[in-house]
Amino acid sequence: MAAGSTPAIRAAAEAEVLYRVHAYPHTPRGTSYGIEAVEALCVELGVVAEQIFKTLVIELSTGALAVAVLPVPRTLSLKAAAKALSASKAVMADKTRAERTTGYVLGGISPLGQRTSLPTVIDDSALALDRMFCSAGRRGLEIELAPADLIRMTAAVTAPVASA
């Protein structure tokens, strides 16, 4: 395994999917992790912001945690995410609980290789893409892969969970 490997990268390798890892400089004092990825990758790779997805951990009305994956420039509809995951309601998860459950730090939470695999919903805009980017498990590290591979690897449902 390559130096700097993360559980997300190892999960992609073990699943034998085609993927590429992209590193970019992370600003330690920064808190807009998704915007940082967009600014770095759109320029470097010539991709559009809607191809770069953020991973948000939510808490469902059942008390269970789940993951919503959506384009960085868009906003999560908690109501739509809850509905897609068969819950009556959802709220953003507590940071400490999200980090402890996934095994990743905020800003580096990946839908892949989580300590505890969480139910996942991916915004259906991903279905129109050939390639998408999401966190590779560390701030400043993104994994590029086919949306179908991410959906399969996470057993995700897709739904319109992002709004402008």
N, C-alpha and C. Protein backbone atom coordinates (compact mmCIF):
# COMPACT_ATOMS: atom_id res chain seq x y z
N MET A 1 0.85 -1.19 0.00
CA MET A 1 0.00 0.00 0.00
C MET A 1 0.89 1.24 0.00
N ALA A 2 0.47 2.24 -0.71
CA ALA A 2 1.25 3.47 -0.84
C ALA A 2 1.37 4.20 0.49
N ALA A 3 2.48 4.92 0.64
CA ALA A 3 2.67 5.73 1.84
C ALA A 3 1.54 6.74 1.91
N GLY A 4 1.06 7.02 3.12
CA GLY A 4 -0.01 7.98 3.28
C GLY A 4 -1.38 7.38 3.00
N SER A 5 -1.44 6.06 2.90
CA SER A 5 -2.71 5.40 2.64
C SER A 5 -3.67 5.61 3.81
N THR A 6 -4.94 5.67 3.50
CA THR A 6 -5.98 5.83 4.52
C THR A 6 -6.94 4.64 4.39
N PRO A 7 -7.81 4.46 5.38
CA PRO A 7 -8.82 3.40 5.24
C PRO A 7 -9.67 3.56 3.98
N ALA A 8 -9.95 4.79 3.57
CA ALA A 8 -10.75 5.03 2.36
C ALA A 8 -10.01 4.55 1.11
N ILE A 9 -8.73 4.86 1.04
CA ILE A 9 -7.93 4.43 -0.12
C ILE A 9 -7.78 2.91 -0.12
N ARG A 10 -7.56 2.34 1.04
CA ARG A 10 -7.45 0.88 1.13
C ARG A 10 -8.77 0.21 0.72
N ALA A 11 -9.91 0.80 1.10
CA ALA A 11 -11.21 0.24 0.72
C ALA A 11 -11.38 0.25 -0.79
N ALA A 12 -10.98 1.33 -1.45
CA ALA A 12 -11.07 1.41 -2.91
C ALA A 12 -10.16 0.39 -3.57
N ALA A 13 -8.96 0.24 -3.04
CA ALA A 13 -8.01 -0.73 -3.60
C ALA A 13 -8.54 -2.16 -3.44
N GLU A 14 -9.06 -2.46 -2.26
CA GLU A 14 -9.59 -3.80 -2.00
C GLU A 14 -10.81 -4.11 -2.86
N ALA A 15 -11.60 -3.08 -3.17
CA ALA A 15 -12.79 -3.26 -4.01
C ALA A 15 -12.42 -3.37 -5.49
N GLU A 16 -11.14 -3.13 -5.78
CA GLU A 16 -10.63 -3.22 -7.16
C GLU A 16 -11.37 -2.31 -8.12
N VAL A 17 -11.63 -1.08 -7.65
CA VAL A 17 -12.24 -0.08 -8.53
C VAL A 17 -11.14 0.84 -9.05
N LEU A 18 -11.42 1.48 -10.17
CA LEU A 18 -10.47 2.46 -10.70
C LEU A 18 -10.61 3.74 -9.90
N TYR A 19 -9.50 4.23 -9.38
CA TYR A 19 -9.52 5.46 -8.60
C TYR A 19 -8.19 6.17 -8.74
N ARG A 20 -8.22 7.44 -8.43
CA ARG A 20 -7.00 8.25 -8.36
C ARG A 20 -7.08 9.08 -7.10
N VAL A 21 -5.95 9.28 -6.47
CA VAL A 21 -5.88 10.10 -5.26
C VAL A 21 -5.23 11.42 -5.61
N HIS A 22 -5.81 12.50 -5.12
CA HIS A 22 -5.29 13.84 -5.37
C HIS A 22 -5.02 14.53 -4.04
N ALA A 23 -3.79 14.98 -3.87
CA ALA A 23 -3.42 15.73 -2.67
C ALA A 23 -3.33 17.21 -3.02
N TYR A 24 -3.66 18.04 -2.07
CA TYR A 24 -3.54 19.49 -2.23
C TYR A 24 -3.19 20.06 -0.87
N PRO A 25 -2.59 21.25 -0.85
CA PRO A 25 -2.19 21.82 0.44
C PRO A 25 -3.40 22.19 1.29
N HIS A 26 -3.44 21.69 2.49
CA HIS A 26 -4.50 22.02 3.45
C HIS A 26 -4.02 23.15 4.35
N THR A 27 -4.86 24.14 4.53
CA THR A 27 -4.55 25.25 5.43
C THR A 27 -4.99 24.84 6.83
N PRO A 28 -4.03 24.63 7.75
CA PRO A 28 -4.38 24.14 9.09
C PRO A 28 -5.42 24.98 9.83
N ARG A 29 -5.44 26.28 9.61
CA ARG A 29 -6.41 27.12 10.30
C ARG A 29 -7.74 27.22 9.56
N GLY A 30 -7.79 26.65 8.37
CA GLY A 30 -9.01 26.72 7.56
C GLY A 30 -10.12 25.84 8.11
N THR A 31 -11.35 26.25 7.89
CA THR A 31 -12.49 25.45 8.32
C THR A 31 -13.47 25.18 7.17
N SER A 32 -13.22 25.78 6.03
CA SER A 32 -14.07 25.55 4.85
C SER A 32 -13.41 24.47 4.00
N TYR A 33 -13.46 23.24 4.50
CA TYR A 33 -12.72 22.13 3.89
C TYR A 33 -13.16 21.86 2.45
N GLY A 34 -14.46 21.89 2.21
CA GLY A 34 -14.96 21.63 0.87
C GLY A 34 -14.54 22.71 -0.12
N ILE A 35 -14.64 23.97 0.31
CA ILE A 35 -14.25 25.09 -0.55
C ILE A 35 -12.76 25.00 -0.86
N GLU A 36 -11.99 24.61 0.13
CA GLU A 36 -10.54 24.44 -0.07
C GLU A 36 -10.27 23.40 -1.16
N ALA A 37 -11.02 22.29 -1.13
CA ALA A 37 -10.86 21.24 -2.15
C ALA A 37 -11.27 21.75 -3.52
N VAL A 38 -12.39 22.47 -3.57
CA VAL A 38 -12.86 23.02 -4.85
C VAL A 38 -11.83 23.96 -5.44
N GLU A 39 -11.33 24.89 -4.63
CA GLU A 39 -10.36 25.87 -5.12
C GLU A 39 -9.09 25.19 -5.63
N ALA A 40 -8.64 24.16 -4.95
CA ALA A 40 -7.42 23.46 -5.37
C ALA A 40 -7.64 22.59 -6.61
N LEU A 41 -8.69 21.79 -6.60
CA LEU A 41 -8.87 20.80 -7.65
C LEU A 41 -9.44 21.36 -8.95
N CYS A 42 -10.30 22.35 -8.85
CA CYS A 42 -10.88 22.91 -10.08
C CYS A 42 -9.78 23.54 -10.93
N VAL A 43 -8.85 24.20 -10.29
CA VAL A 43 -7.74 24.83 -11.01
C VAL A 43 -6.76 23.76 -11.50
N GLU A 44 -6.36 22.88 -10.60
CA GLU A 44 -5.35 21.87 -10.93
C GLU A 44 -5.81 20.87 -11.99
N LEU A 45 -7.07 20.41 -11.86
CA LEU A 45 -7.54 19.33 -12.74
C LEU A 45 -8.53 19.79 -13.80
N GLY A 46 -8.98 21.03 -13.71
CA GLY A 46 -9.93 21.53 -14.69
C GLY A 46 -11.31 20.92 -14.56
N VAL A 47 -11.70 20.55 -13.35
CA VAL A 47 -13.04 20.01 -13.12
C VAL A 47 -13.95 21.11 -12.59
N VAL A 48 -15.24 20.83 -12.56
CA VAL A 48 -16.20 21.81 -12.05
C VAL A 48 -16.52 21.49 -10.59
N ALA A 49 -16.92 22.52 -9.86
CA ALA A 49 -17.18 22.38 -8.43
C ALA A 49 -18.23 21.31 -8.12
N GLU A 50 -19.19 21.11 -9.02
CA GLU A 50 -20.26 20.14 -8.78
C GLU A 50 -19.77 18.69 -8.84
N GLN A 51 -18.52 18.48 -9.25
CA GLN A 51 -17.94 17.12 -9.24
C GLN A 51 -17.27 16.80 -7.91
N ILE A 52 -17.09 17.81 -7.08
CA ILE A 52 -16.41 17.62 -5.80
C ILE A 52 -17.48 17.58 -4.71
N PHE A 53 -17.52 16.45 -4.01
CA PHE A 53 -18.58 16.19 -3.04
C PHE A 53 -18.06 16.26 -1.61
N LYS A 54 -18.92 16.73 -0.73
CA LYS A 54 -18.61 16.75 0.70
C LYS A 54 -19.39 15.62 1.37
N THR A 55 -18.86 15.16 2.48
CA THR A 55 -19.46 14.07 3.24
C THR A 55 -19.90 14.64 4.58
N LEU A 56 -21.20 14.62 4.82
CA LEU A 56 -21.76 15.16 6.07
C LEU A 56 -22.37 14.02 6.88
N VAL A 57 -22.10 14.03 8.17
CA VAL A 57 -22.68 13.01 9.05
C VAL A 57 -23.91 13.63 9.71
N ILE A 58 -25.01 12.90 9.61
CA ILE A 58 -26.27 13.37 10.19
C ILE A 58 -26.78 12.35 11.21
N GLU A 59 -27.64 12.83 12.08
CA GLU A 59 -28.29 11.94 13.05
C GLU A 59 -29.76 11.87 12.68
N LEU A 60 -30.24 10.65 12.50
CA LEU A 60 -31.63 10.43 12.14
C LEU A 60 -32.52 10.44 13.37
N SER A 61 -33.82 10.56 13.17
CA SER A 61 -34.78 10.59 14.28
C SER A 61 -34.72 9.32 15.12
N THR A 62 -34.18 8.26 14.56
CA THR A 62 -34.03 7.00 15.30
C THR A 62 -32.84 7.03 16.26
N GLY A 63 -32.00 8.07 16.14
CA GLY A 63 -30.79 8.16 16.94
C GLY A 63 -29.57 7.62 16.22
N ALA A 64 -29.79 6.94 15.10
CA ALA A 64 -28.68 6.38 14.33
C ALA A 64 -28.00 7.48 13.51
N LEU A 65 -26.71 7.29 13.26
CA LEU A 65 -25.99 8.20 12.38
C LEU A 65 -26.07 7.69 10.95
N ALA A 66 -25.93 8.62 10.02
CA ALA A 66 -25.92 8.29 8.59
C ALA A 66 -25.05 9.31 7.90
N VAL A 67 -24.79 9.08 6.62
CA VAL A 67 -23.93 9.96 5.84
C VAL A 67 -24.70 10.49 4.63
N ALA A 68 -24.52 11.77 4.36
CA ALA A 68 -25.06 12.40 3.16
C ALA A 68 -23.88 12.92 2.35
N VAL A 69 -23.85 12.59 1.06
CA VAL A 69 -22.75 12.98 0.18
C VAL A 69 -23.36 13.86 -0.92
N LEU A 70 -22.86 15.09 -1.03
CA LEU A 70 -23.45 16.04 -1.96
C LEU A 70 -22.41 17.01 -2.47
N PRO A 71 -22.68 17.66 -3.61
CA PRO A 71 -21.70 18.60 -4.16
C PRO A 71 -21.38 19.73 -3.17
N VAL A 72 -20.11 20.09 -3.10
CA VAL A 72 -19.65 21.12 -2.16
C VAL A 72 -20.44 22.42 -2.28
N PRO A 73 -20.73 22.93 -3.49
CA PRO A 73 -21.40 24.22 -3.57
C PRO A 73 -22.87 24.21 -3.13
N ARG A 74 -23.41 23.03 -2.88
CA ARG A 74 -24.84 22.95 -2.57
C ARG A 74 -25.07 22.72 -1.08
N THR A 75 -26.31 22.89 -0.66
CA THR A 75 -26.70 22.77 0.74
C THR A 75 -27.52 21.50 0.93
N LEU A 76 -27.28 20.82 2.03
CA LEU A 76 -28.02 19.60 2.33
C LEU A 76 -29.43 19.93 2.81
N SER A 77 -30.41 19.26 2.24
CA SER A 77 -31.78 19.30 2.75
C SER A 77 -31.89 18.16 3.75
N LEU A 78 -31.91 18.49 5.03
CA LEU A 78 -32.01 17.46 6.06
C LEU A 78 -33.31 16.68 5.92
N LYS A 79 -34.37 17.38 5.54
CA LYS A 79 -35.67 16.73 5.36
C LYS A 79 -35.60 15.68 4.24
N ALA A 80 -34.98 16.04 3.11
CA ALA A 80 -34.85 15.10 1.99
C ALA A 80 -33.93 13.94 2.35
N ALA A 81 -32.86 14.21 3.08
CA ALA A 81 -31.94 13.14 3.49
C ALA A 81 -32.65 12.17 4.43
N ALA A 82 -33.40 12.70 5.38
CA ALA A 82 -34.14 11.84 6.30
C ALA A 82 -35.11 10.95 5.54
N LYS A 83 -35.85 11.55 4.62
CA LYS A 83 -36.82 10.79 3.82
C LYS A 83 -36.13 9.68 3.02
N ALA A 84 -35.00 10.01 2.39
CA ALA A 84 -34.27 9.02 1.59
C ALA A 84 -33.78 7.85 2.43
N LEU A 85 -33.53 8.12 3.71
CA LEU A 85 -33.02 7.08 4.62
C LEU A 85 -34.12 6.52 5.52
N SER A 86 -35.38 6.75 5.12
CA SER A 86 -36.56 6.21 5.83
C SER A 86 -36.66 6.66 7.28
N ALA A 87 -36.35 7.91 7.52
CA ALA A 87 -36.49 8.48 8.86
C ALA A 87 -37.43 9.67 8.78
N SER A 88 -38.00 10.05 9.90
CA SER A 88 -38.94 11.17 9.90
C SER A 88 -38.22 12.52 9.97
N LYS A 89 -36.99 12.51 10.46
CA LYS A 89 -36.28 13.77 10.67
C LYS A 89 -34.78 13.49 10.73
N ALA A 90 -33.97 14.52 10.47
CA ALA A 90 -32.52 14.41 10.62
C ALA A 90 -31.97 15.76 11.07
N VAL A 91 -30.88 15.70 11.80
CA VAL A 91 -30.13 16.90 12.21
C VAL A 91 -28.66 16.61 11.97
N MET A 92 -27.85 17.65 11.93
CA MET A 92 -26.42 17.44 11.81
C MET A 92 -25.92 16.72 13.06
N ALA A 93 -25.04 15.77 12.88
CA ALA A 93 -24.52 14.98 13.99
C ALA A 93 -23.52 15.79 14.81
N ASP A 94 -23.40 15.42 16.05
CA ASP A 94 -22.38 15.99 16.94
C ASP A 94 -21.00 15.65 16.38
N LYS A 95 -20.13 16.64 16.33
CA LYS A 95 -18.79 16.48 15.75
C LYS A 95 -18.01 15.33 16.39
N THR A 96 -17.99 15.26 17.70
CA THR A 96 -17.23 14.23 18.39
C THR A 96 -17.78 12.84 18.08
N ARG A 97 -19.09 12.71 18.07
CA ARG A 97 -19.69 11.42 17.76
C ARG A 97 -19.42 11.02 16.31
N ALA A 98 -19.50 11.99 15.41
CA ALA A 98 -19.22 11.72 13.99
C ALA A 98 -17.78 11.23 13.81
N GLU A 99 -16.84 11.92 14.45
CA GLU A 99 -15.43 11.53 14.32
C GLU A 99 -15.18 10.16 14.95
N ARG A 100 -15.73 9.92 16.11
CA ARG A 100 -15.52 8.65 16.81
C ARG A 100 -16.12 7.49 16.00
N THR A 101 -17.29 7.70 15.44
CA THR A 101 -17.98 6.63 14.72
C THR A 101 -17.31 6.32 13.38
N THR A 102 -16.91 7.36 12.65
CA THR A 102 -16.32 7.14 11.32
C THR A 102 -14.84 6.81 11.37
N GLY A 103 -14.15 7.29 12.42
CA GLY A 103 -12.70 7.10 12.50
C GLY A 103 -11.93 8.19 11.77
N TYR A 104 -12.63 9.22 11.31
CA TYR A 104 -12.00 10.33 10.58
C TYR A 104 -12.25 11.64 11.33
N VAL A 105 -11.39 12.63 11.05
CA VAL A 105 -11.59 13.96 11.63
C VAL A 105 -12.47 14.79 10.71
N LEU A 106 -13.17 15.74 11.28
CA LEU A 106 -14.01 16.65 10.51
C LEU A 106 -13.17 17.30 9.41
N GLY A 107 -13.73 17.35 8.22
CA GLY A 107 -12.98 17.88 7.08
C GLY A 107 -12.23 16.80 6.33
N GLY A 108 -12.18 15.61 6.92
CA GLY A 108 -11.52 14.47 6.28
C GLY A 108 -12.40 13.23 6.32
N ILE A 109 -13.67 13.41 6.69
CA ILE A 109 -14.58 12.27 6.76
C ILE A 109 -14.89 11.79 5.35
N SER A 110 -14.66 10.52 5.13
CA SER A 110 -14.90 9.90 3.83
C SER A 110 -16.10 8.97 3.93
N PRO A 111 -16.83 8.83 2.84
CA PRO A 111 -17.90 7.82 2.84
C PRO A 111 -17.34 6.40 2.77
N LEU A 112 -16.05 6.27 2.47
CA LEU A 112 -15.39 4.97 2.34
C LEU A 112 -14.53 4.65 3.55
N GLY A 113 -14.44 3.38 3.90
CA GLY A 113 -13.51 2.94 4.93
C GLY A 113 -13.80 3.44 6.32
N GLN A 114 -15.04 3.68 6.63
CA GLN A 114 -15.41 4.17 7.96
C GLN A 114 -15.22 3.08 9.00
N ARG A 115 -14.89 3.50 10.21
CA ARG A 115 -14.73 2.54 11.32
C ARG A 115 -16.02 1.74 11.48
N THR A 116 -17.15 2.43 11.45
CA THR A 116 -18.47 1.81 11.46
C THR A 116 -19.17 2.29 10.20
N SER A 117 -19.46 1.40 9.28
CA SER A 117 -20.12 1.80 8.02
C SER A 117 -21.52 2.33 8.32
N LEU A 118 -21.78 3.53 7.85
CA LEU A 118 -23.05 4.17 8.12
C LEU A 118 -23.95 4.13 6.88
N PRO A 119 -25.27 4.10 7.09
CA PRO A 119 -26.18 4.22 5.95
C PRO A 119 -25.84 5.50 5.19
N THR A 120 -25.89 5.44 3.87
CA THR A 120 -25.42 6.55 3.05
C THR A 120 -26.43 6.92 1.99
N VAL A 121 -26.61 8.23 1.81
CA VAL A 121 -27.39 8.76 0.70
C VAL A 121 -26.47 9.67 -0.09
N ILE A 122 -26.47 9.50 -1.39
CA ILE A 122 -25.66 10.31 -2.29
C ILE A 122 -26.62 11.13 -3.16
N ASP A 123 -26.35 12.43 -3.25
CA ASP A 123 -27.20 13.27 -4.07
C ASP A 123 -27.26 12.71 -5.49
N ASP A 124 -28.46 12.67 -6.05
CA ASP A 124 -28.64 12.05 -7.36
C ASP A 124 -27.97 12.80 -8.50
N SER A 125 -27.44 13.99 -8.24
CA SER A 125 -26.68 14.69 -9.28
C SER A 125 -25.43 13.90 -9.67
N ALA A 126 -24.95 13.04 -8.78
CA ALA A 126 -23.76 12.22 -9.06
C ALA A 126 -24.01 11.27 -10.23
N LEU A 127 -25.26 10.89 -10.44
CA LEU A 127 -25.58 9.92 -11.48
C LEU A 127 -25.29 10.44 -12.88
N ALA A 128 -25.22 11.75 -13.04
CA ALA A 128 -24.95 12.35 -14.35
C ALA A 128 -23.45 12.51 -14.62
N LEU A 129 -22.62 12.14 -13.66
CA LEU A 129 -21.18 12.33 -13.78
C LEU A 129 -20.46 11.04 -14.16
N ASP A 130 -19.35 11.20 -14.89
CA ASP A 130 -18.48 10.06 -15.17
C ASP A 130 -17.56 9.80 -13.98
N ARG A 131 -17.07 10.89 -13.39
CA ARG A 131 -16.14 10.81 -12.26
C ARG A 131 -16.57 11.82 -11.21
N MET A 132 -16.34 11.48 -9.97
CA MET A 132 -16.61 12.40 -8.87
C MET A 132 -15.46 12.34 -7.89
N PHE A 133 -15.40 13.30 -7.01
CA PHE A 133 -14.34 13.39 -6.01
C PHE A 133 -14.99 13.46 -4.64
N CYS A 134 -14.40 12.78 -3.67
CA CYS A 134 -14.85 12.90 -2.27
C CYS A 134 -13.60 12.72 -1.40
N SER A 135 -13.76 12.98 -0.13
CA SER A 135 -12.62 12.89 0.77
C SER A 135 -12.02 11.49 0.75
N ALA A 136 -10.69 11.45 0.75
CA ALA A 136 -9.98 10.17 0.80
C ALA A 136 -9.60 9.82 2.24
N GLY A 137 -10.16 10.56 3.20
CA GLY A 137 -9.94 10.20 4.60
C GLY A 137 -8.98 11.08 5.36
N ARG A 138 -8.59 12.18 4.74
CA ARG A 138 -7.70 13.13 5.42
C ARG A 138 -7.90 14.48 4.78
N ARG A 139 -7.77 15.53 5.57
CA ARG A 139 -7.86 16.88 5.02
C ARG A 139 -6.75 17.05 3.99
N GLY A 140 -7.10 17.61 2.83
CA GLY A 140 -6.11 17.81 1.78
C GLY A 140 -5.91 16.60 0.89
N LEU A 141 -6.82 15.64 0.96
CA LEU A 141 -6.69 14.42 0.17
C LEU A 141 -8.07 14.02 -0.36
N GLU A 142 -8.18 13.92 -1.68
CA GLU A 142 -9.45 13.55 -2.33
C GLU A 142 -9.24 12.30 -3.16
N ILE A 143 -10.30 11.51 -3.27
CA ILE A 143 -10.27 10.33 -4.12
C ILE A 143 -11.24 10.56 -5.27
N GLU A 144 -10.79 10.25 -6.46
CA GLU A 144 -11.59 10.38 -7.68
C GLU A 144 -12.02 8.99 -8.11
N LEU A 145 -13.32 8.81 -8.33
CA LEU A 145 -13.81 7.51 -8.75
C LEU A 145 -15.15 7.67 -9.46
N ALA A 146 -15.64 6.60 -10.04
CA ALA A 146 -16.94 6.62 -10.71
C ALA A 146 -18.05 6.63 -9.66
N PRO A 147 -19.09 7.42 -9.86
CA PRO A 147 -20.20 7.43 -8.91
C PRO A 147 -20.78 6.04 -8.66
N ALA A 148 -20.89 5.23 -9.71
CA ALA A 148 -21.45 3.88 -9.55
C ALA A 148 -20.61 3.04 -8.58
N ASP A 149 -19.29 3.24 -8.60
CA ASP A 149 -18.42 2.51 -7.67
C ASP A 149 -18.63 2.97 -6.24
N LEU A 150 -18.76 4.28 -6.04
CA LEU A 150 -19.00 4.79 -4.68
C LEU A 150 -20.35 4.29 -4.17
N ILE A 151 -21.35 4.32 -5.02
CA ILE A 151 -22.69 3.85 -4.62
C ILE A 151 -22.63 2.38 -4.22
N ARG A 152 -21.96 1.58 -5.03
CA ARG A 152 -21.86 0.15 -4.73
C ARG A 152 -21.07 -0.10 -3.45
N MET A 153 -19.93 0.56 -3.30
CA MET A 153 -19.07 0.33 -2.15
C MET A 153 -19.70 0.75 -0.82
N THR A 154 -20.58 1.73 -0.86
CA THR A 154 -21.22 2.22 0.36
C THR A 154 -22.64 1.70 0.52
N ALA A 155 -23.11 0.93 -0.45
CA ALA A 155 -24.51 0.45 -0.45
C ALA A 155 -25.46 1.64 -0.30
N ALA A 156 -25.12 2.73 -0.98
CA ALA A 156 -25.87 3.98 -0.85
C ALA A 156 -27.17 3.96 -1.64
N VAL A 157 -28.08 4.79 -1.18
CA VAL A 157 -29.25 5.13 -1.96
C VAL A 157 -28.95 6.49 -2.59
N THR A 158 -29.59 6.79 -3.69
CA THR A 158 -29.44 8.11 -4.29
C THR A 158 -30.79 8.82 -4.23
N ALA A 159 -30.73 10.12 -4.02
CA ALA A 159 -31.95 10.93 -3.92
C ALA A 159 -31.55 12.39 -4.08
N PRO A 160 -32.51 13.23 -4.45
CA PRO A 160 -32.21 14.67 -4.54
C PRO A 160 -32.17 15.29 -3.13
N VAL A 161 -30.99 15.28 -2.52
CA VAL A 161 -30.85 15.77 -1.14
C VAL A 161 -30.15 17.12 -1.05
N ALA A 162 -29.72 17.65 -2.20
CA ALA A 162 -29.01 18.94 -2.21
C ALA A 162 -29.87 20.01 -2.83
N SER A 163 -29.78 21.20 -2.28
CA SER A 163 -30.47 22.35 -2.87
C SER A 163 -29.43 23.41 -3.20
N ALA A 164 -29.81 24.33 -4.06
CA ALA A 164 -28.86 25.35 -4.54
C ALA A 164 -28.36 26.25 -3.43
